[in-house]
């Protein structure tokens, strides 16, 4: 049985970045689709997810958001979007600050 995966331009870009960093095309597509799901959840409210911290290698459980209603008091409109530097940026609702994770370090969206 063959499976066909259809991706949009940004998902394909993310898959290529992950492939370049990990050497696995399958991992690239799977994680790119997980990032799509995470970004959708971040925009609509608070998302719960796991990722590996780049600096220490530890597994981080996070609750974050990109919801404008929850973040508007802290946005200043300056800086690069996460996708411009191949990361997912979010507001950490537990720590009360902005965080980011590299595409390939996303483990699970809960």
N, C-alpha and C. Protein backbone atom coordinates (compact mmCIF):
# COMPACT_ATOMS: atom_id res chain seq x y z
N UNK A 1 0.84 -1.18 0.00
CA UNK A 1 0.00 0.00 0.00
C UNK A 1 0.88 1.24 0.00
N UNK A 2 0.58 2.18 -0.87
CA UNK A 2 1.33 3.42 -0.94
C UNK A 2 0.57 4.52 -0.22
N UNK A 3 1.32 5.40 0.40
CA UNK A 3 0.72 6.54 1.09
C UNK A 3 1.20 7.81 0.44
N UNK A 4 0.29 8.71 0.18
CA UNK A 4 0.66 9.99 -0.41
C UNK A 4 0.51 11.07 0.64
N UNK A 5 1.53 11.90 0.77
CA UNK A 5 1.50 13.00 1.72
C UNK A 5 1.52 14.30 0.91
N UNK A 6 0.55 15.15 1.16
CA UNK A 6 0.47 16.44 0.47
C UNK A 6 0.85 17.52 1.48
N UNK A 7 1.80 18.37 1.08
CA UNK A 7 2.25 19.43 1.98
C UNK A 7 2.21 20.77 1.26
N UNK A 8 2.02 21.84 2.04
CA UNK A 8 2.05 23.18 1.45
C UNK A 8 3.49 23.67 1.38
N UNK A 9 3.70 24.86 0.86
CA UNK A 9 5.06 25.39 0.67
C UNK A 9 5.85 25.53 1.95
N UNK A 10 5.23 26.04 3.03
CA UNK A 10 5.96 26.22 4.28
C UNK A 10 6.27 24.89 4.93
N UNK A 11 5.36 23.94 4.83
CA UNK A 11 5.61 22.61 5.38
C UNK A 11 6.76 21.95 4.63
N UNK A 12 6.79 22.11 3.33
CA UNK A 12 7.89 21.55 2.52
C UNK A 12 9.22 22.20 2.90
N UNK A 13 9.21 23.51 3.13
CA UNK A 13 10.43 24.20 3.57
C UNK A 13 10.91 23.63 4.90
N UNK A 14 9.99 23.49 5.84
CA UNK A 14 10.37 22.94 7.15
C UNK A 14 10.90 21.52 7.02
N UNK A 15 10.25 20.70 6.19
CA UNK A 15 10.71 19.32 5.98
C UNK A 15 12.12 19.30 5.42
N UNK A 16 12.42 20.20 4.49
CA UNK A 16 13.77 20.28 3.92
C UNK A 16 14.80 20.70 4.95
N UNK A 17 14.46 21.65 5.80
CA UNK A 17 15.37 22.09 6.86
C UNK A 17 15.66 20.94 7.82
N UNK A 18 14.61 20.23 8.23
CA UNK A 18 14.78 19.11 9.15
C UNK A 18 15.60 18.00 8.49
N UNK A 19 15.33 17.72 7.22
CA UNK A 19 16.10 16.72 6.49
C UNK A 19 17.57 17.10 6.45
N UNK A 20 17.87 18.37 6.18
CA UNK A 20 19.26 18.82 6.13
C UNK A 20 19.94 18.68 7.49
N UNK A 21 19.20 18.88 8.56
CA UNK A 21 19.78 18.83 9.91
C UNK A 21 19.86 17.41 10.47
N UNK A 22 18.96 16.52 10.02
CA UNK A 22 18.93 15.17 10.60
C UNK A 22 19.37 14.08 9.62
N UNK A 23 19.32 14.35 8.34
CA UNK A 23 19.66 13.35 7.34
C UNK A 23 18.53 12.38 7.04
N UNK A 24 17.33 12.63 7.58
CA UNK A 24 16.19 11.72 7.38
C UNK A 24 15.04 12.47 6.71
N UNK A 25 14.71 12.05 5.48
CA UNK A 25 13.60 12.68 4.77
C UNK A 25 12.27 12.35 5.45
N UNK A 26 12.13 11.12 5.93
CA UNK A 26 10.90 10.73 6.62
C UNK A 26 10.72 11.57 7.88
N UNK A 27 11.78 11.71 8.66
CA UNK A 27 11.72 12.53 9.87
C UNK A 27 11.36 13.97 9.50
N UNK A 28 11.89 14.45 8.40
CA UNK A 28 11.59 15.81 7.96
C UNK A 28 10.11 16.02 7.73
N UNK A 29 9.48 15.11 7.00
CA UNK A 29 8.06 15.25 6.69
C UNK A 29 7.21 15.09 7.95
N UNK A 30 7.53 14.10 8.77
CA UNK A 30 6.73 13.84 9.99
C UNK A 30 6.81 15.04 10.93
N UNK A 31 8.02 15.52 11.17
CA UNK A 31 8.16 16.65 12.11
C UNK A 31 7.58 17.94 11.54
N UNK A 32 7.69 18.13 10.22
CA UNK A 32 7.10 19.32 9.60
C UNK A 32 5.58 19.32 9.80
N UNK A 33 4.96 18.16 9.68
CA UNK A 33 3.52 18.07 9.91
C UNK A 33 3.18 18.28 11.39
N UNK A 34 4.04 17.80 12.28
CA UNK A 34 3.84 18.06 13.72
C UNK A 34 3.93 19.56 14.00
N UNK A 35 4.85 20.25 13.33
CA UNK A 35 4.99 21.69 13.52
C UNK A 35 3.73 22.41 13.05
N UNK A 36 3.16 21.97 11.92
CA UNK A 36 1.90 22.55 11.45
C UNK A 36 0.82 22.43 12.52
N UNK A 37 0.71 21.24 13.12
CA UNK A 37 -0.28 21.01 14.18
C UNK A 37 0.02 21.90 15.38
N UNK A 38 1.28 21.97 15.79
CA UNK A 38 1.65 22.80 16.94
C UNK A 38 1.32 24.26 16.68
N UNK A 39 1.67 24.78 15.51
CA UNK A 39 1.40 26.19 15.21
C UNK A 39 -0.10 26.49 15.21
N UNK A 40 -0.89 25.54 14.71
CA UNK A 40 -2.35 25.69 14.72
C UNK A 40 -2.86 25.79 16.16
N UNK A 41 -2.36 24.90 17.03
CA UNK A 41 -2.78 24.92 18.43
C UNK A 41 -2.28 26.17 19.15
N UNK A 42 -1.06 26.60 18.85
CA UNK A 42 -0.51 27.81 19.48
C UNK A 42 -1.35 29.04 19.13
N UNK A 43 -1.83 29.11 17.91
CA UNK A 43 -2.62 30.27 17.47
C UNK A 43 -4.02 30.29 18.08
N UNK A 44 -4.56 29.10 18.37
CA UNK A 44 -5.94 29.04 18.84
C UNK A 44 -6.07 29.02 20.36
N UNK A 45 -4.96 28.95 21.07
CA UNK A 45 -5.03 28.92 22.53
C UNK A 45 -3.71 28.46 23.11
N UNK A 46 -3.79 27.68 24.18
CA UNK A 46 -2.58 27.18 24.83
C UNK A 46 -2.32 25.75 24.36
N UNK A 47 -1.12 25.51 23.85
CA UNK A 47 -0.72 24.19 23.38
C UNK A 47 0.21 23.53 24.40
N UNK A 48 0.12 22.23 24.49
CA UNK A 48 0.95 21.43 25.39
C UNK A 48 1.83 20.56 24.49
N UNK A 49 3.16 20.63 24.66
CA UNK A 49 4.06 19.91 23.78
C UNK A 49 5.39 19.60 24.46
N UNK A 50 6.14 18.69 23.84
CA UNK A 50 7.46 18.29 24.34
C UNK A 50 8.50 18.57 23.27
N UNK A 51 9.67 19.04 23.72
CA UNK A 51 10.78 19.21 22.79
C UNK A 51 12.10 19.05 23.53
N UNK A 52 13.16 18.82 22.76
CA UNK A 52 14.49 18.70 23.33
C UNK A 52 15.15 20.07 23.29
N UNK A 53 15.63 20.52 24.45
CA UNK A 53 16.32 21.81 24.51
C UNK A 53 17.66 21.71 23.78
N UNK A 54 17.93 22.64 22.91
CA UNK A 54 19.15 22.63 22.13
C UNK A 54 20.38 22.81 23.02
N UNK A 55 20.27 23.66 24.02
CA UNK A 55 21.43 24.00 24.86
C UNK A 55 21.88 22.88 25.78
N UNK A 56 20.92 22.11 26.32
CA UNK A 56 21.27 21.10 27.32
C UNK A 56 20.92 19.68 26.91
N UNK A 57 20.07 19.52 25.91
CA UNK A 57 19.63 18.19 25.51
C UNK A 57 18.52 17.62 26.36
N UNK A 58 18.10 18.35 27.40
CA UNK A 58 17.02 17.84 28.25
C UNK A 58 15.67 17.95 27.54
N UNK A 59 14.74 17.10 27.93
CA UNK A 59 13.39 17.12 27.39
C UNK A 59 12.58 18.15 28.17
N UNK A 60 11.95 19.06 27.45
CA UNK A 60 11.18 20.13 28.07
C UNK A 60 9.71 19.94 27.77
N UNK A 61 8.90 19.95 28.80
CA UNK A 61 7.45 19.93 28.66
C UNK A 61 7.00 21.38 28.73
N UNK A 62 6.27 21.83 27.72
CA UNK A 62 5.92 23.25 27.67
C UNK A 62 4.44 23.44 27.40
N UNK A 63 3.93 24.55 27.91
CA UNK A 63 2.60 25.05 27.61
C UNK A 63 2.83 26.44 27.04
N UNK A 64 2.44 26.63 25.80
CA UNK A 64 2.71 27.91 25.16
C UNK A 64 1.55 28.37 24.30
N UNK A 65 1.66 29.62 23.84
CA UNK A 65 0.62 30.20 23.01
C UNK A 65 1.22 31.21 22.04
N UNK A 66 0.49 31.44 20.97
CA UNK A 66 0.75 32.55 20.06
C UNK A 66 -0.55 33.33 19.88
N UNK A 67 -1.51 33.09 20.74
CA UNK A 67 -2.81 33.75 20.69
C UNK A 67 -2.65 35.24 20.94
N UNK A 68 -3.17 36.05 20.02
CA UNK A 68 -3.02 37.50 20.16
C UNK A 68 -3.72 38.03 21.42
N UNK A 69 -4.83 37.43 21.80
CA UNK A 69 -5.52 37.90 23.00
C UNK A 69 -4.66 37.68 24.26
N UNK A 70 -3.92 36.61 24.30
CA UNK A 70 -3.11 36.31 25.48
C UNK A 70 -1.74 36.98 25.45
N UNK A 71 -1.26 37.35 24.27
CA UNK A 71 0.10 37.88 24.14
C UNK A 71 0.18 39.38 23.88
N UNK A 72 -0.93 40.04 23.57
CA UNK A 72 -0.86 41.40 23.04
C UNK A 72 -0.15 42.39 23.96
N UNK A 73 -0.17 42.18 25.25
CA UNK A 73 0.50 43.10 26.17
C UNK A 73 2.02 43.02 26.07
N UNK A 74 2.55 41.93 25.50
CA UNK A 74 4.00 41.75 25.45
C UNK A 74 4.58 41.88 24.04
N UNK A 75 3.74 42.03 23.02
CA UNK A 75 4.24 42.12 21.66
C UNK A 75 4.73 43.52 21.36
N UNK A 76 5.88 43.60 20.67
CA UNK A 76 6.36 44.91 20.28
C UNK A 76 6.49 45.06 18.76
N UNK A 77 6.28 43.97 18.02
CA UNK A 77 6.28 44.06 16.57
C UNK A 77 7.65 44.12 15.94
N UNK A 78 8.71 43.94 16.71
CA UNK A 78 10.06 43.96 16.15
C UNK A 78 10.61 42.54 16.14
N UNK A 79 11.63 42.33 15.35
CA UNK A 79 12.28 41.02 15.33
C UNK A 79 11.84 40.17 14.17
N UNK A 80 12.50 39.06 14.01
CA UNK A 80 12.23 38.13 12.93
C UNK A 80 11.20 37.11 13.37
N UNK A 81 10.42 36.63 12.41
CA UNK A 81 9.50 35.54 12.73
C UNK A 81 10.32 34.28 12.94
N UNK A 82 9.76 33.34 13.66
CA UNK A 82 10.46 32.08 13.90
C UNK A 82 10.81 31.35 12.62
N UNK A 83 9.89 31.39 11.65
CA UNK A 83 10.14 30.68 10.40
C UNK A 83 11.33 31.26 9.62
N UNK A 84 11.64 32.52 9.83
CA UNK A 84 12.79 33.12 9.14
C UNK A 84 14.11 32.57 9.67
N UNK A 85 14.11 32.04 10.87
CA UNK A 85 15.33 31.46 11.45
C UNK A 85 15.14 29.98 11.76
N UNK A 86 14.14 29.37 11.11
CA UNK A 86 13.88 27.93 11.21
C UNK A 86 13.63 27.45 12.64
N UNK A 87 12.81 28.21 13.35
CA UNK A 87 12.39 27.85 14.70
C UNK A 87 10.90 28.12 14.86
N UNK A 88 10.33 27.61 15.93
CA UNK A 88 8.97 27.94 16.34
C UNK A 88 9.10 28.82 17.58
N UNK A 89 8.59 30.04 17.49
CA UNK A 89 8.59 30.94 18.64
C UNK A 89 7.22 30.89 19.30
N UNK A 90 7.21 31.01 20.63
CA UNK A 90 5.95 30.97 21.37
C UNK A 90 6.12 31.70 22.70
N UNK A 91 4.99 32.04 23.31
CA UNK A 91 4.97 32.63 24.64
C UNK A 91 4.78 31.50 25.64
N UNK A 92 5.73 31.32 26.55
CA UNK A 92 5.66 30.27 27.56
C UNK A 92 4.76 30.76 28.69
N UNK A 93 3.59 30.15 28.83
CA UNK A 93 2.62 30.63 29.81
C UNK A 93 3.04 30.32 31.24
N UNK A 94 3.90 29.33 31.44
CA UNK A 94 4.39 29.03 32.79
C UNK A 94 5.53 29.95 33.19
N UNK A 95 6.46 30.18 32.30
CA UNK A 95 7.65 30.99 32.59
C UNK A 95 7.42 32.48 32.39
N UNK A 96 6.37 32.83 31.63
CA UNK A 96 6.07 34.23 31.39
C UNK A 96 7.09 34.92 30.49
N UNK A 97 7.52 34.24 29.44
CA UNK A 97 8.48 34.83 28.52
C UNK A 97 8.46 34.12 27.18
N UNK A 98 9.08 34.77 26.19
CA UNK A 98 9.17 34.16 24.87
C UNK A 98 10.22 33.07 24.86
N UNK A 99 9.94 32.01 24.12
CA UNK A 99 10.85 30.88 23.94
C UNK A 99 10.80 30.48 22.48
N UNK A 100 11.78 29.67 22.09
CA UNK A 100 11.76 29.12 20.73
C UNK A 100 12.36 27.73 20.75
N UNK A 101 12.00 26.95 19.74
CA UNK A 101 12.58 25.62 19.59
C UNK A 101 12.91 25.39 18.13
N UNK A 102 13.99 24.67 17.90
CA UNK A 102 14.38 24.33 16.54
C UNK A 102 13.41 23.29 16.00
N UNK A 103 13.11 23.38 14.71
CA UNK A 103 12.15 22.46 14.09
C UNK A 103 12.40 21.01 14.46
N UNK A 104 13.64 20.56 14.30
CA UNK A 104 13.93 19.14 14.47
C UNK A 104 13.86 18.67 15.92
N UNK A 105 13.77 19.60 16.88
CA UNK A 105 13.76 19.22 18.30
C UNK A 105 12.35 18.98 18.85
N UNK A 106 11.32 19.23 18.06
CA UNK A 106 9.95 18.94 18.51
C UNK A 106 9.79 17.43 18.64
N UNK A 107 9.28 16.97 19.78
CA UNK A 107 9.11 15.55 20.03
C UNK A 107 7.65 15.14 19.90
N UNK A 108 6.75 15.88 20.55
CA UNK A 108 5.35 15.49 20.57
C UNK A 108 4.46 16.68 20.86
N UNK A 109 3.31 16.73 20.19
CA UNK A 109 2.25 17.69 20.50
C UNK A 109 1.19 16.91 21.24
N UNK A 110 0.92 17.33 22.48
CA UNK A 110 -0.01 16.58 23.34
C UNK A 110 -1.42 17.14 23.27
